[in-house]
Amino acid sequence: MTSPAPLNNPNAFRKGTATVGFAGIVLGLAAMIVLHLTSGQNPAYDVLSATLHSPLGWLFPVSLGLFAVGATSFGLLARANGAPRWMSALLYVWSGLIALVALFPTDPLGTSEFSAVHLVHRYAAFAAFCTMIALGLAYSRWSGRCERVGRVVAACSWIAVVALAVTSLPYALAFFGVEAPHWTDAAGLNQRTTVGSELVALACLGSWLRGGTRSAAQREEAPARRELVAAA
């Protein structure tokens, strides 16, 4: 007589959440590519949100929703693998902010006065960018950049910092009534650089999580053990 396999299989759960996470990123990118190919807009100057008002604009919230699902799955995987709590928390926060960006559409181009919905969209997007940057830098510091993934995530995070700063500069200068320099005109390119680098960082984190992680306590104990061995 054989006993049934346990319903709660940790390995199956980890494999499933990793699969869902990467599927969310890949399908989200596919939807975004189709949207770009059909929007008829200039990706160097038109921001991502402008594609919402193109013929296949419904793909924009679908794409963001898939990204949010992917990050949420990685958050669950982080908890299952014993990663630091801040990692899963920041992944959940990023997912929630991206969901807000998808649920609250931007106003059409040429709108003179922005609606409250548009402002939620704008500031949720900015907060999401900052959250992923914070996650990437925190991870690279926690890992000590001793791993290839840590170095890649750190590089992507600093690229996102620069691109986000350039993207935000015109808004900050407009608040003070100062005209933005001409090199900030490519808002679409700057924003896509921010989003692209953060998605690469997210995928790298997902790859690291899929491979299995040690708990934070184990990672912190490793240097102490090495010092003890060296002293002996």
Protein backbone atom coordinates (compact mmCIF):
# COMPACT_ATOMS: atom_id res chain seq x y z
CA MET A 1 0.00 0.00 0.00
CA THR A 2 1.43 3.34 -1.03
CA SER A 3 0.80 6.64 0.67
CA PRO A 4 -0.20 9.68 -1.37
CA ALA A 5 2.39 12.39 -2.05
CA PRO A 6 2.20 15.29 0.38
CA LEU A 7 0.05 18.12 -0.80
CA ASN A 8 2.42 20.77 0.50
CA ASN A 9 5.59 20.23 -1.53
CA PRO A 10 8.07 23.08 -0.91
CA ASN A 11 10.06 22.31 -4.05
CA ALA A 12 6.94 22.26 -6.21
CA PHE A 13 5.83 25.57 -4.70
CA ARG A 14 9.21 27.20 -5.39
CA LYS A 15 9.27 25.88 -8.94
CA GLY A 16 5.71 27.04 -9.55
CA THR A 17 6.22 30.56 -8.20
CA ALA A 18 9.45 30.95 -10.20
CA THR A 19 7.66 29.82 -13.36
CA VAL A 20 4.80 32.26 -12.79
CA GLY A 21 7.28 35.04 -12.04
CA PHE A 22 9.22 34.65 -15.27
CA ALA A 23 6.04 34.06 -17.28
CA GLY A 24 4.71 37.38 -16.00
CA ILE A 25 7.85 39.22 -17.11
CA VAL A 26 8.04 37.53 -20.53
CA LEU A 27 4.33 37.93 -21.33
CA GLY A 28 4.37 41.50 -20.04
CA LEU A 29 7.29 42.34 -22.32
CA ALA A 30 5.55 40.67 -25.26
CA ALA A 31 2.43 42.75 -24.69
CA MET A 32 4.52 45.91 -24.38
CA ILE A 33 6.40 45.16 -27.62
CA VAL A 34 3.15 44.63 -29.53
CA LEU A 35 1.82 47.88 -28.07
CA HIS A 36 4.91 49.77 -29.21
CA LEU A 37 4.74 48.33 -32.71
CA THR A 38 1.11 49.42 -33.12
CA SER A 39 0.99 52.70 -31.22
CA GLY A 40 2.50 54.85 -33.97
CA GLN A 41 4.31 56.95 -31.36
CA ASN A 42 7.95 57.95 -31.08
CA PRO A 43 9.50 55.89 -28.25
CA ALA A 44 12.32 58.42 -27.85
CA TYR A 45 10.04 61.36 -27.02
CA ASP A 46 6.61 59.93 -26.08
CA VAL A 47 6.40 58.46 -22.59
CA LEU A 48 5.15 54.94 -22.01
CA SER A 49 1.81 56.06 -20.61
CA ALA A 50 0.96 57.78 -23.90
CA THR A 51 0.56 54.38 -25.54
CA LEU A 52 -2.57 53.91 -23.43
CA HIS A 53 -4.44 56.14 -25.88
CA SER A 54 -3.35 54.20 -28.98
CA PRO A 55 -5.56 51.62 -30.80
CA LEU A 56 -4.28 48.74 -28.65
CA GLY A 57 -3.89 50.84 -25.54
CA TRP A 58 -5.55 48.18 -23.40
CA LEU A 59 -2.30 46.22 -23.66
CA PHE A 60 -0.62 48.82 -21.44
CA PRO A 61 -2.47 47.92 -18.20
CA VAL A 62 -2.33 44.24 -19.19
CA SER A 63 1.45 44.44 -19.49
CA LEU A 64 1.81 46.21 -16.15
CA GLY A 65 -0.52 43.70 -14.51
CA LEU A 66 1.66 40.85 -15.75
CA PHE A 67 4.77 42.55 -14.36
CA ALA A 68 3.01 42.94 -11.02
CA VAL A 69 2.06 39.26 -10.98
CA GLY A 70 5.66 38.33 -11.76
CA ALA A 71 7.07 40.45 -8.94
CA THR A 72 4.47 39.13 -6.49
CA SER A 73 5.47 35.58 -7.38
CA PHE A 74 9.12 36.43 -6.75
CA GLY A 75 8.08 37.90 -3.41
CA LEU A 76 6.45 34.60 -2.46
CA LEU A 77 9.54 32.77 -3.64
CA ALA A 78 11.74 35.01 -1.51
CA ARG A 79 9.71 34.14 1.59
CA ALA A 80 9.81 30.43 0.74
CA ASN A 81 13.59 30.51 0.30
CA GLY A 82 14.26 32.32 3.56
CA ALA A 83 15.49 35.54 1.94
CA PRO A 84 15.47 38.73 4.05
CA ARG A 85 11.98 40.00 4.80
CA TRP A 86 12.69 43.38 3.24
CA MET A 87 13.21 41.68 -0.12
CA SER A 88 9.74 40.18 -0.30
CA ALA A 89 8.23 43.33 1.24
CA LEU A 90 9.75 45.59 -1.42
CA LEU A 91 8.67 43.21 -4.18
CA TYR A 92 5.11 43.36 -2.85
CA VAL A 93 5.23 47.15 -2.61
CA TRP A 94 6.51 47.42 -6.18
CA SER A 95 3.74 45.10 -7.38
CA GLY A 96 1.10 47.18 -5.63
CA LEU A 97 2.41 50.44 -7.06
CA ILE A 98 2.56 48.98 -10.57
CA ALA A 99 -1.03 47.81 -10.12
CA LEU A 100 -2.02 51.39 -9.23
CA VAL A 101 -0.30 52.64 -12.39
CA ALA A 102 -2.32 50.13 -14.41
CA LEU A 103 -5.64 50.85 -12.69
CA PHE A 104 -5.38 54.66 -12.78
CA PRO A 105 -4.91 55.75 -16.41
CA THR A 106 -3.03 58.85 -17.46
CA ASP A 107 -4.80 61.79 -19.08
CA PRO A 108 -4.65 62.13 -22.89
CA LEU A 109 -1.85 64.14 -24.42
CA GLY A 110 -2.56 67.87 -24.55
CA THR A 111 -4.63 67.95 -21.37
CA SER A 112 -4.26 71.38 -19.78
CA GLU A 113 -5.33 70.45 -16.24
CA PHE A 114 -4.43 67.06 -14.83
CA SER A 115 -7.08 64.96 -13.13
CA ALA A 116 -6.68 63.28 -9.75
CA VAL A 117 -6.54 59.92 -11.53
CA HIS A 118 -3.61 61.13 -13.62
CA LEU A 119 -1.75 62.31 -10.52
CA VAL A 120 -2.21 58.92 -8.86
CA HIS A 121 -0.82 57.33 -12.03
CA ARG A 122 2.19 59.65 -12.15
CA TYR A 123 3.24 59.47 -8.52
CA ALA A 124 2.59 55.74 -8.23
CA ALA A 125 4.92 55.24 -11.20
CA PHE A 126 7.58 57.43 -9.62
CA ALA A 127 7.27 55.58 -6.32
CA ALA A 128 7.53 52.24 -8.15
CA PHE A 129 10.73 53.37 -9.87
CA CYS A 130 12.22 54.42 -6.53
CA THR A 131 11.13 51.18 -4.84
CA MET A 132 12.86 48.96 -7.39
CA ILE A 133 16.00 51.10 -7.16
CA ALA A 134 15.96 50.74 -3.37
CA LEU A 135 15.47 46.97 -3.69
CA GLY A 136 18.33 46.63 -6.16
CA LEU A 137 20.78 48.68 -4.10
CA ALA A 138 19.77 46.95 -0.88
CA TYR A 139 20.25 43.54 -2.46
CA SER A 140 23.66 44.42 -3.93
CA ARG A 141 24.84 45.69 -0.55
CA TRP A 142 23.41 42.70 1.32
CA SER A 143 25.06 40.25 -1.06
CA GLY A 144 28.35 42.13 -0.79
CA ARG A 145 28.48 42.25 -4.59
CA CYS A 146 30.43 39.02 -4.35
CA GLU A 147 28.04 37.38 -6.78
CA ARG A 148 27.58 38.15 -10.45
CA VAL A 149 23.88 38.75 -9.88
CA GLY A 150 24.67 41.33 -7.21
CA ARG A 151 26.96 43.24 -9.58
CA VAL A 152 24.43 43.19 -12.41
CA VAL A 153 21.60 44.32 -10.13
CA ALA A 154 23.75 47.12 -8.74
CA ALA A 155 24.66 48.31 -12.26
CA CYS A 156 21.00 48.26 -13.33
CA SER A 157 19.98 50.17 -10.22
CA TRP A 158 22.50 52.97 -10.82
CA ILE A 159 21.47 53.19 -14.48
CA ALA A 160 17.88 53.57 -13.28
CA VAL A 161 18.94 56.28 -10.81
CA VAL A 162 20.55 58.36 -13.58
CA ALA A 163 17.74 57.81 -16.07
CA LEU A 164 15.06 58.60 -13.49
CA ALA A 165 16.88 61.77 -12.45
CA VAL A 166 17.00 62.96 -16.07
CA THR A 167 13.34 62.04 -16.58
CA SER A 168 12.26 63.91 -13.44
CA LEU A 169 14.39 67.00 -14.04
CA PRO A 170 11.91 68.81 -16.35
CA TYR A 171 9.10 68.39 -13.80
CA ALA A 172 11.29 69.73 -10.99
CA LEU A 173 12.46 72.70 -13.07
CA ALA A 174 8.89 73.47 -14.21
CA PHE A 175 7.87 73.73 -10.56
CA PHE A 176 10.34 76.59 -10.19
CA GLY A 177 9.44 78.11 -13.55
CA VAL A 178 12.77 77.20 -15.15
CA GLU A 179 12.99 75.90 -18.70
CA ALA A 180 14.45 72.41 -18.98
CA PRO A 181 17.64 71.92 -21.05
CA HIS A 182 17.26 70.42 -24.51
CA TRP A 183 18.98 67.15 -23.54
CA THR A 184 15.98 66.26 -21.40
CA ASP A 185 13.61 66.29 -24.39
CA ALA A 186 13.97 62.55 -24.97
CA ALA A 187 11.63 61.78 -22.07
CA GLY A 188 10.46 58.55 -23.65
CA LEU A 189 13.97 57.19 -24.04
CA ASN A 190 14.91 58.17 -20.49
CA GLN A 191 11.80 56.59 -19.04
CA ARG A 192 12.23 53.39 -21.05
CA THR A 193 15.83 53.18 -19.85
CA THR A 194 14.56 53.36 -16.27
CA VAL A 195 11.90 50.71 -16.84
CA GLY A 196 14.18 48.44 -18.86
CA SER A 197 17.00 48.48 -16.34
CA GLU A 198 14.59 47.77 -13.49
CA LEU A 199 13.02 44.84 -15.33
CA VAL A 200 16.48 43.39 -15.92
CA ALA A 201 17.20 43.78 -12.21
CA LEU A 202 13.88 42.09 -11.38
CA ALA A 203 14.65 39.19 -13.71
CA CYS A 204 18.13 38.80 -12.18
CA LEU A 205 16.64 38.69 -8.69
CA GLY A 206 14.14 36.10 -9.88
CA SER A 207 16.96 34.00 -11.34
CA TRP A 208 18.85 34.19 -8.07
CA LEU A 209 15.75 33.23 -6.09
CA ARG A 210 14.98 30.35 -8.42
CA GLY A 211 18.39 28.89 -7.71
CA GLY A 212 17.62 28.75 -4.00
CA THR A 213 18.93 31.10 -1.31
CA ARG A 214 20.40 30.86 2.12
CA SER A 215 18.74 32.64 4.97
CA ALA A 216 20.03 36.02 6.05
CA ALA A 217 21.34 34.51 9.29
CA GLN A 218 23.38 31.91 7.37
CA ARG A 219 24.78 34.57 5.09
CA GLU A 220 25.80 36.73 8.01
CA GLU A 221 27.44 33.77 9.77
CA ALA A 222 29.59 32.85 6.76
CA PRO A 223 32.18 35.67 7.15
CA ALA A 224 32.52 34.87 10.85
CA ARG A 225 33.24 31.23 10.06
CA ARG A 226 35.84 32.21 7.47
CA GLU A 227 37.57 34.48 10.00
CA LEU A 228 37.57 31.67 12.57
CA VAL A 229 39.15 29.25 10.12
CA ALA A 230 41.78 31.81 9.12
CA ALA A 231 42.65 32.50 12.77
CA ALA A 232 43.04 28.78 13.44
